[in-house]
Amino acid sequence: RGWFEGAEVDVSAVKPEVMKAADALKAGVKTFRINVEFDTA
């Protein structure tokens, strides 16, 4: 959206894959999931 102002961007067809938080940080992503698990509730 920033590179092509006014363009319609559709990402609905992308298949999300699990990505390590450290890799996302190194890729320059600002907001990313940390893959952690907790005991129920």
Full PDB file with SEQRES, HELIX, SHEET, SSBOND, CRYST1, ORIGX, SCALE, CONECT and MASTER records, all heavy atoms in Angstrom:
SEQRES   1 A   41  ARG GLY TRP PHE GLU GLY ALA GLU VAL ASP VAL SER ALA          
SEQRES   2 A   41  VAL LYS PRO GLU VAL MET LYS ALA ALA ASP ALA LEU LYS          
SEQRES   3 A   41  ALA GLY VAL LYS THR PHE ARG ILE ASN VAL GLU PHE ASP          
SEQRES   4 A   41  THR ALA                                                      
HELIX    1 AA1 ALA A   21  LYS A   26  1                                   6    
CRYST1    1.000    1.000    1.000  90.00  90.00  90.00 P 1           1          
ORIGX1      1.000000  0.000000  0.000000        0.00000                         
ORIGX2      0.000000  1.000000  0.000000        0.00000                         
ORIGX3      0.000000  0.000000  1.000000        0.00000                         
SCALE1      1.000000  0.000000  0.000000        0.00000                         
SCALE2      0.000000  1.000000  0.000000        0.00000                         
SCALE3      0.000000  0.000000  1.000000        0.00000                         
ATOM      1  N   ARG A   1       0.835  -1.216   0.000  1.00  0.00           N  
ATOM      2  CA  ARG A   1       0.000   0.000   0.000  1.00  0.00           C  
ATOM      3  C   ARG A   1       0.863   1.257   0.000  1.00  0.00           C  
ATOM      4  O   ARG A   1       0.462   2.293  -0.534  1.00  0.00           O  
ATOM      5  CB  ARG A   1      -0.937  -0.017   1.202  1.00  0.00           C  
ATOM      6  CG  ARG A   1      -1.993  -1.124   1.131  1.00  0.00           C  
ATOM      7  CD  ARG A   1      -3.007  -1.033   2.263  1.00  0.00           C  
ATOM      8  NE  ARG A   1      -3.977  -2.126   2.188  1.00  0.00           N  
ATOM      9  CZ  ARG A   1      -3.910  -3.233   2.934  1.00  0.00           C  
ATOM     10  NH1 ARG A   1      -2.926  -3.391   3.812  1.00  0.00           N  
ATOM     11  NH2 ARG A   1      -4.827  -4.175   2.802  1.00  0.00           N  
ATOM     12  N   GLY A   2       2.020   1.159   0.621  1.00  0.00           N  
ATOM     13  CA  GLY A   2       2.923   2.300   0.618  1.00  0.00           C  
ATOM     14  C   GLY A   2       3.654   2.470  -0.706  1.00  0.00           C  
ATOM     15  O   GLY A   2       3.832   3.587  -1.195  1.00  0.00           O  
ATOM     16  N   TRP A   3       4.086   1.369  -1.301  1.00  0.00           N  
ATOM     17  CA  TRP A   3       4.815   1.440  -2.572  1.00  0.00           C  
ATOM     18  C   TRP A   3       3.909   1.861  -3.732  1.00  0.00           C  
ATOM     19  O   TRP A   3       4.342   2.595  -4.619  1.00  0.00           O  
ATOM     20  CB  TRP A   3       5.407   0.056  -2.909  1.00  0.00           C  
ATOM     21  CG  TRP A   3       6.491  -0.377  -1.964  1.00  0.00           C  
ATOM     22  CD1 TRP A   3       7.235   0.410  -1.143  1.00  0.00           C  
ATOM     23  CD2 TRP A   3       6.940  -1.724  -1.751  1.00  0.00           C  
ATOM     24  NE1 TRP A   3       8.124  -0.347  -0.413  1.00  0.00           N  
ATOM     25  CE2 TRP A   3       7.966  -1.673  -0.775  1.00  0.00           C  
ATOM     26  CE3 TRP A   3       6.577  -2.966  -2.274  1.00  0.00           C  
ATOM     27  CZ2 TRP A   3       8.636  -2.809  -0.318  1.00  0.00           C  
ATOM     28  CZ3 TRP A   3       7.243  -4.099  -1.828  1.00  0.00           C  
ATOM     29  CH2 TRP A   3       8.255  -4.016  -0.862  1.00  0.00           C  
ATOM     30  N   PHE A   4       2.663   1.373  -3.705  1.00  0.00           N  
ATOM     31  CA  PHE A   4       1.740   1.652  -4.804  1.00  0.00           C  
ATOM     32  C   PHE A   4       0.478   2.303  -4.232  1.00  0.00           C  
ATOM     33  O   PHE A   4      -0.550   1.642  -4.030  1.00  0.00           O  
ATOM     34  CB  PHE A   4       1.395   0.361  -5.559  1.00  0.00           C  
ATOM     35  CG  PHE A   4       2.602  -0.364  -6.083  1.00  0.00           C  
ATOM     36  CD1 PHE A   4       3.150  -1.433  -5.388  1.00  0.00           C  
ATOM     37  CD2 PHE A   4       3.213   0.050  -7.260  1.00  0.00           C  
ATOM     38  CE1 PHE A   4       4.261  -2.100  -5.861  1.00  0.00           C  
ATOM     39  CE2 PHE A   4       4.332  -0.615  -7.740  1.00  0.00           C  
ATOM     40  CZ  PHE A   4       4.870  -1.687  -7.040  1.00  0.00           C  
ATOM     41  N   GLU A   5       0.589   3.585  -3.991  1.00  0.00           N  
ATOM     42  CA  GLU A   5      -0.517   4.312  -3.359  1.00  0.00           C  
ATOM     43  C   GLU A   5      -1.772   4.219  -4.224  1.00  0.00           C  
ATOM     44  O   GLU A   5      -1.748   4.490  -5.417  1.00  0.00           O  
ATOM     45  CB  GLU A   5      -0.133   5.783  -3.166  1.00  0.00           C  
ATOM     46  CG  GLU A   5      -1.153   6.577  -2.387  1.00  0.00           C  
ATOM     47  CD  GLU A   5      -0.703   7.992  -2.125  1.00  0.00           C  
ATOM     48  OE1 GLU A   5       0.446   8.328  -2.472  1.00  0.00           O  
ATOM     49  OE2 GLU A   5      -1.501   8.767  -1.577  1.00  0.00           O  
ATOM     50  N   GLY A   6      -2.858   3.853  -3.582  1.00  0.00           N  
ATOM     51  CA  GLY A   6      -4.120   3.714  -4.297  1.00  0.00           C  
ATOM     52  C   GLY A   6      -4.399   2.297  -4.772  1.00  0.00           C  
ATOM     53  O   GLY A   6      -5.495   2.017  -5.258  1.00  0.00           O  
ATOM     54  N   ALA A   7      -3.415   1.418  -4.634  1.00  0.00           N  
ATOM     55  CA  ALA A   7      -3.631   0.043  -5.087  1.00  0.00           C  
ATOM     56  C   ALA A   7      -4.498  -0.719  -4.093  1.00  0.00           C  
ATOM     57  O   ALA A   7      -4.432  -0.507  -2.885  1.00  0.00           O  
ATOM     58  CB  ALA A   7      -2.292  -0.668  -5.257  1.00  0.00           C  
ATOM     59  N   GLU A   8      -5.296  -1.631  -4.629  1.00  0.00           N  
ATOM     60  CA  GLU A   8      -6.071  -2.544  -3.781  1.00  0.00           C  
ATOM     61  C   GLU A   8      -5.197  -3.769  -3.511  1.00  0.00           C  
ATOM     62  O   GLU A   8      -4.698  -4.404  -4.444  1.00  0.00           O  
ATOM     63  CB  GLU A   8      -7.354  -2.953  -4.501  1.00  0.00           C  
ATOM     64  CG  GLU A   8      -8.198  -3.927  -3.707  1.00  0.00           C  
ATOM     65  CD  GLU A   8      -9.393  -4.444  -4.497  1.00  0.00           C  
ATOM     66  OE1 GLU A   8      -9.630  -3.921  -5.610  1.00  0.00           O  
ATOM     67  OE2 GLU A   8     -10.073  -5.372  -4.016  1.00  0.00           O  
ATOM     68  N   VAL A   9      -4.999  -4.067  -2.237  1.00  0.00           N  
ATOM     69  CA  VAL A   9      -4.111  -5.169  -1.863  1.00  0.00           C  
ATOM     70  C   VAL A   9      -4.941  -6.282  -1.224  1.00  0.00           C  
ATOM     71  O   VAL A   9      -5.711  -6.043  -0.286  1.00  0.00           O  
ATOM     72  CB  VAL A   9      -3.020  -4.691  -0.886  1.00  0.00           C  
ATOM     73  CG1 VAL A   9      -2.150  -5.869  -0.430  1.00  0.00           C  
ATOM     74  CG2 VAL A   9      -2.165  -3.602  -1.537  1.00  0.00           C  
ATOM     75  N   ASP A  10      -4.770  -7.476  -1.722  1.00  0.00           N  
ATOM     76  CA  ASP A  10      -5.527  -8.630  -1.225  1.00  0.00           C  
ATOM     77  C   ASP A  10      -4.550  -9.732  -0.810  1.00  0.00           C  
ATOM     78  O   ASP A  10      -3.769 -10.218  -1.644  1.00  0.00           O  
ATOM     79  CB  ASP A  10      -6.459  -9.134  -2.328  1.00  0.00           C  
ATOM     80  CG  ASP A  10      -7.319 -10.306  -1.877  1.00  0.00           C  
ATOM     81  OD1 ASP A  10      -7.288 -10.653  -0.681  1.00  0.00           O  
ATOM     82  OD2 ASP A  10      -8.014 -10.884  -2.745  1.00  0.00           O  
ATOM     83  N   VAL A  11      -4.595 -10.105   0.467  1.00  0.00           N  
ATOM     84  CA  VAL A  11      -3.705 -11.161   0.967  1.00  0.00           C  
ATOM     85  C   VAL A  11      -4.510 -12.362   1.464  1.00  0.00           C  
ATOM     86  O   VAL A  11      -3.969 -13.250   2.138  1.00  0.00           O  
ATOM     87  CB  VAL A  11      -2.791 -10.624   2.103  1.00  0.00           C  
ATOM     88  CG1 VAL A  11      -1.841  -9.577   1.574  1.00  0.00           C  
ATOM     89  CG2 VAL A  11      -3.639 -10.071   3.255  1.00  0.00           C  
ATOM     90  N   SER A  12      -5.789 -12.386   1.107  1.00  0.00           N  
ATOM     91  CA  SER A  12      -6.658 -13.437   1.651  1.00  0.00           C  
ATOM     92  C   SER A  12      -6.285 -14.826   1.157  1.00  0.00           C  
ATOM     93  O   SER A  12      -6.613 -15.828   1.805  1.00  0.00           O  
ATOM     94  CB  SER A  12      -8.122 -13.133   1.297  1.00  0.00           C  
ATOM     95  OG  SER A  12      -8.301 -13.089  -0.117  1.00  0.00           O  
ATOM     96  N   ALA A  13      -5.626 -14.909   0.012  1.00  0.00           N  
ATOM     97  CA  ALA A  13      -5.293 -16.223  -0.542  1.00  0.00           C  
ATOM     98  C   ALA A  13      -3.955 -16.758  -0.041  1.00  0.00           C  
ATOM     99  O   ALA A  13      -3.564 -17.887  -0.386  1.00  0.00           O  
ATOM    100  CB  ALA A  13      -5.265 -16.145  -2.069  1.00  0.00           C  
ATOM    101  N   VAL A  14      -3.257 -15.984   0.740  1.00  0.00           N  
ATOM    102  CA  VAL A  14      -1.950 -16.429   1.234  1.00  0.00           C  
ATOM    103  C   VAL A  14      -2.145 -17.461   2.343  1.00  0.00           C  
ATOM    104  O   VAL A  14      -2.942 -17.262   3.268  1.00  0.00           O  
ATOM    105  CB  VAL A  14      -1.129 -15.240   1.769  1.00  0.00           C  
ATOM    106  CG1 VAL A  14       0.207 -15.722   2.330  1.00  0.00           C  
ATOM    107  CG2 VAL A  14      -0.917 -14.213   0.683  1.00  0.00           C  
ATOM    108  N   LYS A  15      -1.371 -18.530   2.273  1.00  0.00           N  
ATOM    109  CA  LYS A  15      -1.404 -19.541   3.321  1.00  0.00           C  
ATOM    110  C   LYS A  15      -0.374 -19.169   4.389  1.00  0.00           C  
ATOM    111  O   LYS A  15       0.826 -19.130   4.110  1.00  0.00           O  
ATOM    112  CB  LYS A  15      -1.069 -20.910   2.732  1.00  0.00           C  
ATOM    113  CG  LYS A  15      -1.072 -22.022   3.770  1.00  0.00           C  
ATOM    114  CD  LYS A  15      -0.705 -23.358   3.135  1.00  0.00           C  
ATOM    115  CE  LYS A  15      -0.669 -24.452   4.205  1.00  0.00           C  
ATOM    116  NZ  LYS A  15      -0.291 -25.781   3.632  1.00  0.00           N  
ATOM    117  N   PRO A  16      -0.830 -18.872   5.609  1.00  0.00           N  
ATOM    118  CA  PRO A  16       0.123 -18.478   6.649  1.00  0.00           C  
ATOM    119  C   PRO A  16       0.941 -19.675   7.138  1.00  0.00           C  
ATOM    120  O   PRO A  16       0.432 -20.793   7.280  1.00  0.00           O  
ATOM    121  CB  PRO A  16      -0.779 -17.931   7.760  1.00  0.00           C  
ATOM    122  CG  PRO A  16      -2.089 -18.596   7.556  1.00  0.00           C  
ATOM    123  CD  PRO A  16      -2.224 -18.814   6.079  1.00  0.00           C  
ATOM    124  N   GLU A  17       2.196 -19.437   7.389  1.00  0.00           N  
ATOM    125  CA  GLU A  17       3.091 -20.459   7.918  1.00  0.00           C  
ATOM    126  C   GLU A  17       3.669 -19.981   9.251  1.00  0.00           C  
ATOM    127  O   GLU A  17       3.838 -18.788   9.479  1.00  0.00           O  
ATOM    128  CB  GLU A  17       4.240 -20.725   6.946  1.00  0.00           C  
ATOM    129  CG  GLU A  17       3.782 -21.372   5.647  1.00  0.00           C  
ATOM    130  CD  GLU A  17       4.958 -21.676   4.720  1.00  0.00           C  
ATOM    131  OE1 GLU A  17       5.995 -20.963   4.827  1.00  0.00           O  
ATOM    132  OE2 GLU A  17       4.864 -22.593   3.901  1.00  0.00           O  
ATOM    133  N   VAL A  18       3.924 -20.939  10.092  1.00  0.00           N  
ATOM    134  CA  VAL A  18       4.524 -20.609  11.381  1.00  0.00           C  
ATOM    135  C   VAL A  18       5.913 -20.036  11.121  1.00  0.00           C  
ATOM    136  O   VAL A  18       6.692 -20.572  10.324  1.00  0.00           O  
ATOM    137  CB  VAL A  18       4.612 -21.852  12.281  1.00  0.00           C  
ATOM    138  CG1 VAL A  18       5.342 -21.524  13.579  1.00  0.00           C  
ATOM    139  CG2 VAL A  18       3.222 -22.413  12.562  1.00  0.00           C  
ATOM    140  N   MET A  19       6.223 -18.946  11.813  1.00  0.00           N  
ATOM    141  CA  MET A  19       7.507 -18.265  11.623  1.00  0.00           C  
ATOM    142  C   MET A  19       8.101 -17.962  12.987  1.00  0.00           C  
ATOM    143  O   MET A  19       7.406 -17.487  13.892  1.00  0.00           O  
ATOM    144  CB  MET A  19       7.278 -16.966  10.840  1.00  0.00           C  
ATOM    145  CG  MET A  19       8.548 -16.245  10.444  1.00  0.00           C  
ATOM    146  SD  MET A  19       8.141 -14.766   9.452  1.00  0.00           S  
ATOM    147  CE  MET A  19       9.794 -14.285   8.946  1.00  0.00           C  
ATOM    148  N   LYS A  20       9.356 -18.254  13.133  1.00  0.00           N  
ATOM    149  CA  LYS A  20      10.009 -17.957  14.407  1.00  0.00           C  
ATOM    150  C   LYS A  20      10.015 -16.441  14.650  1.00  0.00           C  
ATOM    151  O   LYS A  20      10.214 -15.659  13.722  1.00  0.00           O  
ATOM    152  CB  LYS A  20      11.440 -18.484  14.407  1.00  0.00           C  
ATOM    153  CG  LYS A  20      11.544 -20.005  14.439  1.00  0.00           C  
ATOM    154  CD  LYS A  20      12.998 -20.435  14.512  1.00  0.00           C  
ATOM    155  CE  LYS A  20      13.098 -21.959  14.596  1.00  0.00           C  
ATOM    156  NZ  LYS A  20      14.519 -22.418  14.697  1.00  0.00           N  
ATOM    157  N   ALA A  21       9.840 -16.089  15.898  1.00  0.00           N  
ATOM    158  CA  ALA A  21       9.822 -14.676  16.256  1.00  0.00           C  
ATOM    159  C   ALA A  21      11.157 -14.011  15.937  1.00  0.00           C  
ATOM    160  O   ALA A  21      11.186 -12.865  15.453  1.00  0.00           O  
ATOM    161  CB  ALA A  21       9.505 -14.529  17.747  1.00  0.00           C  
ATOM    162  N   ALA A  22      12.242 -14.708  16.164  1.00  0.00           N  
ATOM    163  CA  ALA A  22      13.570 -14.139  15.901  1.00  0.00           C  
ATOM    164  C   ALA A  22      13.743 -13.865  14.409  1.00  0.00           C  
ATOM    165  O   ALA A  22      14.315 -12.832  14.009  1.00  0.00           O  
ATOM    166  CB  ALA A  22      14.661 -15.080  16.412  1.00  0.00           C  
ATOM    167  N   ASP A  23      13.240 -14.767  13.544  1.00  0.00           N  
ATOM    168  CA  ASP A  23      13.350 -14.553  12.100  1.00  0.00           C  
ATOM    169  C   ASP A  23      12.518 -13.342  11.654  1.00  0.00           C  
ATOM    170  O   ASP A  23      12.926 -12.587  10.770  1.00  0.00           O  
ATOM    171  CB  ASP A  23      12.886 -15.813  11.359  1.00  0.00           C  
ATOM    172  CG  ASP A  23      13.839 -16.984  11.547  1.00  0.00           C  
ATOM    173  OD1 ASP A  23      15.011 -16.728  11.954  1.00  0.00           O  
ATOM    174  OD2 ASP A  23      13.417 -18.132  11.314  1.00  0.00           O  
ATOM    175  N   ALA A  24      11.353 -13.193  12.246  1.00  0.00           N  
ATOM    176  CA  ALA A  24      10.511 -12.044  11.907  1.00  0.00           C  
ATOM    177  C   ALA A  24      11.209 -10.735  12.302  1.00  0.00           C  
ATOM    178  O   ALA A  24      11.189  -9.753  11.541  1.00  0.00           O  
ATOM    179  CB  ALA A  24       9.162 -12.163  12.613  1.00  0.00           C  
ATOM    180  N   LEU A  25      11.830 -10.738  13.476  1.00  0.00           N  
ATOM    181  CA  LEU A  25      12.545  -9.536  13.919  1.00  0.00           C  
ATOM    182  C   LEU A  25      13.696  -9.222  12.967  1.00  0.00           C  
ATOM    183  O   LEU A  25      13.887  -8.066  12.569  1.00  0.00           O  
ATOM    184  CB  LEU A  25      13.073  -9.740  15.343  1.00  0.00           C  
ATOM    185  CG  LEU A  25      13.815  -8.544  15.942  1.00  0.00           C  
ATOM    186  CD1 LEU A  25      12.855  -7.395  16.224  1.00  0.00           C  
ATOM    187  CD2 LEU A  25      14.525  -8.958  17.240  1.00  0.00           C  
ATOM    188  N   LYS A  26      14.440 -10.233  12.566  1.00  0.00           N  
ATOM    189  CA  LYS A  26      15.564 -10.021  11.653  1.00  0.00           C  
ATOM    190  C   LYS A  26      15.100  -9.585  10.262  1.00  0.00           C  
ATOM    191  O   LYS A  26      15.818  -8.892   9.547  1.00  0.00           O  
ATOM    192  CB  LYS A  26      16.382 -11.305  11.543  1.00  0.00           C  
ATOM    193  CG  LYS A  26      17.104 -11.680  12.831  1.00  0.00           C  
ATOM    194  CD  LYS A  26      17.797 -13.043  12.714  1.00  0.00           C  
ATOM    195  CE  LYS A  26      18.455 -13.438  14.023  1.00  0.00           C  
ATOM    196  NZ  LYS A  26      19.088 -14.785  13.947  1.00  0.00           N  
ATOM    197  N   ALA A  27      13.880  -9.971   9.891  1.00  0.00           N  
ATOM    198  CA  ALA A  27      13.341  -9.587   8.586  1.00  0.00           C  
ATOM    199  C   ALA A  27      12.799  -8.161   8.606  1.00  0.00           C  
ATOM    200  O   ALA A  27      12.352  -7.658   7.567  1.00  0.00           O  
ATOM    201  CB  ALA A  27      12.243 -10.562   8.169  1.00  0.00           C  
ATOM    202  N   GLY A  28      12.830  -7.548   9.756  1.00  0.00           N  
ATOM    203  CA  GLY A  28      12.372  -6.162   9.848  1.00  0.00           C  
ATOM    204  C   GLY A  28      10.897  -6.004  10.139  1.00  0.00           C  
ATOM    205  O   GLY A  28      10.367  -4.890  10.094  1.00  0.00           O  
ATOM    206  N   VAL A  29      10.217  -7.097  10.450  1.00  0.00           N  
ATOM    207  CA  VAL A  29       8.800  -7.015  10.778  1.00  0.00           C  
ATOM    208  C   VAL A  29       8.651  -6.357  12.142  1.00  0.00           C  
ATOM    209  O   VAL A  29       9.390  -6.682  13.081  1.00  0.00           O  
ATOM    210  CB  VAL A  29       8.159  -8.416  10.772  1.00  0.00           C  
ATOM    211  CG1 VAL A  29       6.686  -8.329  11.134  1.00  0.00           C  
ATOM    212  CG2 VAL A  29       8.348  -9.074   9.419  1.00  0.00           C  
ATOM    213  N   LYS A  30       7.697  -5.456  12.245  1.00  0.00           N  
ATOM    214  CA  LYS A  30       7.526  -4.714  13.495  1.00  0.00           C  
ATOM    215  C   LYS A  30       6.589  -5.412  14.476  1.00  0.00           C  
ATOM    216  O   LYS A  30       6.762  -5.316  15.692  1.00  0.00           O  
ATOM    217  CB  LYS A  30       6.976  -3.306  13.195  1.00  0.00           C  
ATOM    218  CG  LYS A  30       7.932  -2.442  12.389  1.00  0.00           C  
ATOM    219  CD  LYS A  30       9.236  -2.233  13.142  1.00  0.00           C  
ATOM    220  CE  LYS A  30      10.198  -1.344  12.385  1.00  0.00           C  
ATOM    221  NZ  LYS A  30      11.497  -1.199  13.104  1.00  0.00           N  
ATOM    222  N   THR A  31       5.573  -6.110  13.968  1.00  0.00           N  
ATOM    223  CA  THR A  31       4.635  -6.808  14.849  1.00  0.00           C  
ATOM    224  C   THR A  31       4.553  -8.273  14.407  1.00  0.00           C  
ATOM    225  O   THR A  31       4.255  -8.553  13.239  1.00  0.00           O  
ATOM    226  CB  THR A  31       3.238  -6.167  14.788  1.00  0.00           C  
ATOM    227  OG1 THR A  31       3.323  -4.800  15.227  1.00  0.00           O  
ATOM    228  CG2 THR A  31       2.254  -6.923  15.673  1.00  0.00           C  
ATOM    229  N   PHE A  32       4.809  -9.176  15.333  1.00  0.00           N  
ATOM    230  CA  PHE A  32       4.832 -10.600  14.978  1.00  0.00           C  
ATOM    231  C   PHE A  32       4.430 -11.437  16.188  1.00  0.00           C  
ATOM    232  O   PHE A  32       4.513 -11.009  17.332  1.00  0.00           O  
ATOM    233  CB  PHE A  32       6.215 -11.019  14.468  1.00  0.00           C  
ATOM    234  CG  PHE A  32       7.349 -10.555  15.339  1.00  0.00           C  
ATOM    235  CD1 PHE A  32       7.762 -11.319  16.445  1.00  0.00           C  
ATOM    236  CD2 PHE A  32       8.003  -9.368  15.075  1.00  0.00           C  
ATOM    237  CE1 PHE A  32       8.813 -10.892  17.246  1.00  0.00           C  
ATOM    238  CE2 PHE A  32       9.058  -8.929  15.886  1.00  0.00           C  
ATOM    239  CZ  PHE A  32       9.467  -9.705  16.965  1.00  0.00           C  
ATOM    240  N   ARG A  33       3.991 -12.651  15.860  1.00  0.00           N  
ATOM    241  CA  ARG A  33       3.571 -13.584  16.905  1.00  0.00           C  
ATOM    242  C   ARG A  33       4.790 -14.250  17.550  1.00  0.00           C  
ATOM    243  O   ARG A  33       5.760 -14.595  16.862  1.00  0.00           O  
ATOM    244  CB  ARG A  33       2.664 -14.650  16.309  1.00  0.00           C  
ATOM    245  CG  ARG A  33       2.209 -15.722  17.292  1.00  0.00           C  
ATOM    246  CD  ARG A  33       1.530 -16.858  16.545  1.00  0.00           C  
ATOM    247  NE  ARG A  33       0.269 -16.452  15.977  1.00  0.00           N  
ATOM    248  CZ  ARG A  33      -0.921 -16.626  16.580  1.00  0.00           C  
ATOM    249  NH1 ARG A  33      -0.998 -17.207  17.765  1.00  0.00           N  
ATOM    250  NH2 ARG A  33      -2.032 -16.261  15.973  1.00  0.00           N  
ATOM    251  N   ILE A  34       4.723 -14.441  18.872  1.00  0.00           N  
ATOM    252  CA  ILE A  34       5.704 -15.255  19.595  1.00  0.00           C  
ATOM    253  C   ILE A  34       5.047 -16.621  19.830  1.00  0.00           C  
ATOM    254  O   ILE A  34       3.981 -16.706  20.454  1.00  0.00           O  
ATOM    255  CB  ILE A  34       6.086 -14.624  20.951  1.00  0.00           C  
ATOM    256  CG1 ILE A  34       6.611 -13.207  20.746  1.00  0.00           C  
ATOM    257  CG2 ILE A  34       7.132 -15.472  21.658  1.00  0.00           C  
ATOM    258  CD1 ILE A  34       6.874 -12.457  22.051  1.00  0.00           C  
ATOM    259  N   ASN A  35       5.670 -17.658  19.305  1.00  0.00           N  
ATOM    260  CA  ASN A  35       5.061 -18.988  19.346  1.00  0.00           C  
ATOM    261  C   ASN A  35       5.327 -19.639  20.709  1.00  0.00           C  
ATOM    262  O   ASN A  35       6.331 -20.342  20.908  1.00  0.00           O  
ATOM    263  CB  ASN A  35       5.622 -19.868  18.233  1.00  0.00           C  
ATOM    264  CG  ASN A  35       5.313 -19.287  16.866  1.00  0.00           C  
ATOM    265  OD1 ASN A  35       4.156 -19.142  16.486  1.00  0.00           O  
ATOM    266  ND2 ASN A  35       6.354 -18.934  16.127  1.00  0.00           N  
ATOM    267  N   VAL A  36       4.439 -19.356  21.634  1.00  0.00           N  
ATOM    268  CA  VAL A  36       4.541 -19.914  22.984  1.00  0.00           C  
ATOM    269  C   VAL A  36       3.236 -20.592  23.360  1.00  0.00           C  
ATOM    270  O   VAL A  36       2.170 -20.283  22.796  1.00  0.00           O  
ATOM    271  CB  VAL A  36       4.868 -18.817  24.028  1.00  0.00           C  
ATOM    272  CG1 VAL A  36       6.280 -18.283  23.825  1.00  0.00           C  
ATOM    273  CG2 VAL A  36       3.853 -17.674  23.963  1.00  0.00           C  
ATOM    274  N   GLU A  37       3.324 -21.535  24.310  1.00  0.00           N  
ATOM    275  CA  GLU A  37       2.133 -22.239  24.795  1.00  0.00           C  
ATOM    276  C   GLU A  37       2.095 -22.170  26.319  1.00  0.00           C  
ATOM    277  O   GLU A  37       3.137 -22.108  26.985  1.00  0.00           O  
ATOM    278  CB  GLU A  37       2.141 -23.704  24.339  1.00  0.00           C  
ATOM    279  CG  GLU A  37       2.015 -23.868  22.835  1.00  0.00           C  
ATOM    280  CD  GLU A  37       1.953 -25.331  22.408  1.00  0.00           C  
ATOM    281  OE1 GLU A  37       1.888 -26.213  23.315  1.00  0.00           O  
ATOM    282  OE2 GLU A  37       1.956 -25.601  21.194  1.00  0.00           O  
ATOM    283  N   PHE A  38       0.850 -22.180  26.834  1.00  0.00           N  
ATOM    284  CA  PHE A  38       0.636 -22.088  28.278  1.00  0.00           C  
ATOM    285  C   PHE A  38      -0.261 -23.251  28.732  1.00  0.00           C  
ATOM    286  O   PHE A  38      -1.008 -23.846  27.927  1.00  0.00           O  
ATOM    287  CB  PHE A  38      -0.054 -20.770  28.638  1.00  0.00           C  
ATOM    288  CG  PHE A  38       0.754 -19.534  28.295  1.00  0.00           C  
ATOM    289  CD1 PHE A  38       0.612 -18.924  27.059  1.00  0.00           C  
ATOM    290  CD2 PHE A  38       1.642 -18.990  29.221  1.00  0.00           C  
ATOM    291  CE1 PHE A  38       1.328 -17.796  26.737  1.00  0.00           C  
ATOM    292  CE2 PHE A  38       2.365 -17.858  28.909  1.00  0.00           C  
ATOM    293  CZ  PHE A  38       2.217 -17.256  27.659  1.00  0.00           C  
ATOM    294  N   ASP A  39      -0.199 -23.506  29.980  1.00  0.00           N  
ATOM    295  CA  ASP A  39      -1.161 -24.447  30.542  1.00  0.00           C  
ATOM    296  C   ASP A  39      -2.551 -23.848  30.407  1.00  0.00           C  
ATOM    297  O   ASP A  39      -2.730 -22.614  30.405  1.00  0.00           O  
ATOM    298  CB  ASP A  39      -0.855 -24.729  32.022  1.00  0.00           C  
ATOM    299  CG  ASP A  39       0.445 -25.513  32.200  1.00  0.00           C  
ATOM    300  OD1 ASP A  39       0.893 -26.133  31.211  1.00  0.00           O  
ATOM    301  OD2 ASP A  39       1.015 -25.442  33.302  1.00  0.00           O  
ATOM    302  N   THR A  40      -3.546 -24.699  30.277  1.00  0.00           N  
ATOM    303  CA  THR A  40      -4.919 -24.250  30.057  1.00  0.00           C  
ATOM    304  C   THR A  40      -5.372 -23.309  31.165  1.00  0.00           C  
ATOM    305  O   THR A  40      -5.222 -23.614  32.357  1.00  0.00           O  
ATOM    306  CB  THR A  40      -5.864 -25.459  29.993  1.00  0.00           C  
ATOM    307  OG1 THR A  40      -5.419 -26.347  28.953  1.00  0.00           O  
ATOM    308  CG2 THR A  40      -7.292 -25.002  29.709  1.00  0.00           C  
ATOM    309  N   ALA A  41      -5.860 -22.143  30.722  1.00  0.00           N  
ATOM    310  CA  ALA A  41      -6.428 -21.123  31.618  1.00  0.00           C  
ATOM    311  C   ALA A  41      -5.409 -20.619  32.639  1.00  0.00           C  
ATOM    312  O   ALA A  41      -5.779 -20.082  33.681  1.00  0.00           O  
ATOM    313  CB  ALA A  41      -7.669 -21.641  32.318  1.00  0.00           C  
TER     314      ALA A  41                                                      
MASTER        0    0    0    1    0    0    0    6  313    1    0    4          
END                                                                             
